[in-house]
Protein backbone atom coordinates (compact mmCIF):
# COMPACT_ATOMS: atom_id res chain seq x y z
CA MET A 1 16.77 55.03 100.31
CA GLU A 2 19.27 55.25 97.46
CA VAL A 3 19.22 57.65 94.54
CA ILE A 4 16.26 57.19 92.16
CA ASN A 5 17.09 57.82 88.50
CA THR A 6 14.40 58.63 85.90
CA SER A 7 14.13 60.54 82.65
CA GLY A 8 11.60 62.89 81.12
CA ARG A 9 11.22 64.07 77.54
CA ARG A 10 9.32 66.84 75.72
CA LYS A 11 9.82 67.83 72.07
CA THR A 12 13.62 67.54 71.67
CA ALA A 13 14.43 68.17 75.36
CA VAL A 14 15.69 65.27 77.49
CA ALA A 15 15.97 65.52 81.29
CA ARG A 16 17.79 62.98 83.46
CA VAL A 17 16.52 63.30 87.05
CA TYR A 18 18.29 62.02 90.19
CA ILE A 19 16.22 62.26 93.38
CA GLN A 20 17.16 61.43 96.98
CA PRO A 21 15.97 62.46 100.46
CA GLY A 22 17.30 65.85 101.50
CA ALA A 23 16.56 69.49 102.22
CA GLY A 24 14.60 70.30 99.05
CA GLN A 25 17.32 71.61 96.74
CA ILE A 26 16.57 71.48 93.02
CA ILE A 27 19.74 71.75 90.92
CA ILE A 28 19.48 71.89 87.12
CA ASN A 29 22.72 71.71 85.09
CA ASN A 30 24.74 72.68 88.22
CA LYS A 31 22.62 75.80 88.86
CA ASP A 32 19.69 76.45 91.18
CA TYR A 33 16.44 75.97 89.26
CA LYS A 34 15.35 79.58 89.93
CA GLU A 35 18.61 80.78 88.40
CA TYR A 36 18.38 78.39 85.41
CA PHE A 37 14.68 79.07 84.65
CA THR A 38 14.01 82.78 85.07
CA THR A 39 10.20 83.02 84.86
CA GLY A 40 7.70 82.18 87.58
CA LEU A 41 5.62 80.05 85.21
CA LEU A 42 8.55 77.69 84.65
CA HIS A 43 9.21 77.56 88.43
CA TYR A 44 5.57 76.55 88.93
CA THR A 45 5.88 73.90 86.20
CA ILE A 46 8.84 72.26 87.95
CA GLU A 47 7.33 72.47 91.46
CA GLN A 48 3.90 71.17 90.37
CA PRO A 49 4.43 67.42 91.06
CA LEU A 50 6.05 68.18 94.45
CA VAL A 51 3.21 70.49 95.51
CA LEU A 52 0.46 68.09 94.40
CA THR A 53 2.04 65.17 96.32
CA GLU A 54 2.92 67.41 99.32
CA ASN A 55 6.64 66.61 99.07
CA THR A 56 8.00 70.16 98.88
CA GLY A 57 11.32 70.34 100.75
CA LYS A 58 11.66 66.58 101.31
CA TYR A 59 13.90 65.59 98.40
CA ASP A 60 17.11 66.86 96.82
CA ILE A 61 16.77 66.78 93.04
CA ARG A 62 19.64 66.96 90.55
CA VAL A 63 18.79 67.26 86.85
CA ASN A 64 20.85 67.17 83.67
CA VAL A 65 18.76 68.61 80.85
CA ASP A 66 19.72 68.95 77.21
CA GLY A 67 18.09 70.04 73.95
CA GLY A 68 14.98 72.04 73.16
CA GLY A 69 13.96 75.40 74.57
CA PHE A 70 13.24 76.51 78.12
CA LYS A 71 9.57 75.51 78.14
CA GLY A 72 10.28 72.05 76.68
CA GLN A 73 13.10 71.55 79.17
CA ALA A 74 10.89 72.57 82.11
CA GLU A 75 8.16 70.14 81.03
CA ALA A 76 10.74 67.37 80.57
CA VAL A 77 12.00 68.00 84.13
CA ARG A 78 8.39 67.93 85.41
CA LEU A 79 7.78 64.53 83.80
CA GLY A 80 11.05 63.15 85.22
CA ILE A 81 10.21 64.35 88.74
CA SER A 82 6.67 62.91 88.48
CA LYS A 83 7.99 59.51 87.39
CA ALA A 84 10.55 59.51 90.24
CA LEU A 85 7.88 60.33 92.85
CA CYS A 86 5.75 57.43 91.57
CA GLU A 87 8.75 55.13 91.88
CA ILE A 88 9.30 56.25 95.50
CA GLU A 89 5.63 55.99 96.52
CA PRO A 90 3.17 54.24 94.14
CA ALA A 91 0.24 56.02 95.84
CA HIS A 92 1.39 59.32 94.28
CA ARG A 93 0.28 57.93 90.93
CA LEU A 94 -3.37 58.44 91.93
CA VAL A 95 -2.71 62.17 92.42
CA LEU A 96 -0.42 62.81 89.42
CA LYS A 97 -2.20 60.80 86.72
CA PRO A 98 -5.48 62.79 86.67
CA GLU A 99 -3.42 66.01 86.31
CA GLY A 100 -1.71 64.58 83.21
CA LEU A 101 1.78 64.76 84.73
CA LEU A 102 2.69 61.16 83.86
CA ARG A 103 1.85 61.47 80.16
CA ARG A 104 4.66 62.04 77.68
CA ASP A 105 3.48 64.76 75.28
CA PRO A 106 4.13 63.29 71.80
CA ARG A 107 3.88 66.56 69.82
CA MET A 108 7.08 67.20 67.87
CA VAL A 109 8.06 69.53 65.05
CA GLU A 110 7.05 68.03 61.71
CA ARG A 111 9.97 67.38 59.38
CA LYS A 112 10.64 69.46 56.27
CA LYS A 113 9.75 67.68 53.02
CA PRO A 114 11.89 67.85 49.87
CA GLY A 115 10.56 70.13 47.13
CA GLN A 116 8.75 72.30 49.69
CA LYS A 117 9.67 75.43 51.59
CA LYS A 118 8.84 74.00 55.06
CA ALA A 119 6.86 71.05 56.43
CA ARG A 120 3.54 72.17 54.92
CA LYS A 121 4.32 75.42 53.10
CA LYS A 122 5.00 75.08 49.37
CA PHE A 123 6.95 77.23 46.94
CA GLN A 124 4.79 79.71 45.03
CA PHE A 125 3.10 78.03 42.05
CA SER A 126 3.54 79.70 38.69
CA LYS A 127 1.05 78.73 35.98
CA ARG A 128 3.07 80.32 33.15
């Protein structure tokens, strides 16, 4: 099997995922994922599709991730890994889809409008 290439996005974070058979290494931006993401919750987020499909330790995963914060980046990586696993084995889709791991979360920061302080907040109104 050759290298499978997919992408995942969340907010402004974009993750490019390259997956191939191997010893189970997960490298994000040339660092181990436990070194790149420091909290256990983010480790769980990244491992979630591998644990659900029982593929922990079967694939080497390399990820280039850019933009956003740590949580958005972790969720972008999770989506990329989920899409790659479905490309490798279409039966994984039945496990990942009910968990919501194949859905791209569309929520983004609302843009600032002209004549206002922020997206929704206005400048203080003065009657006189």
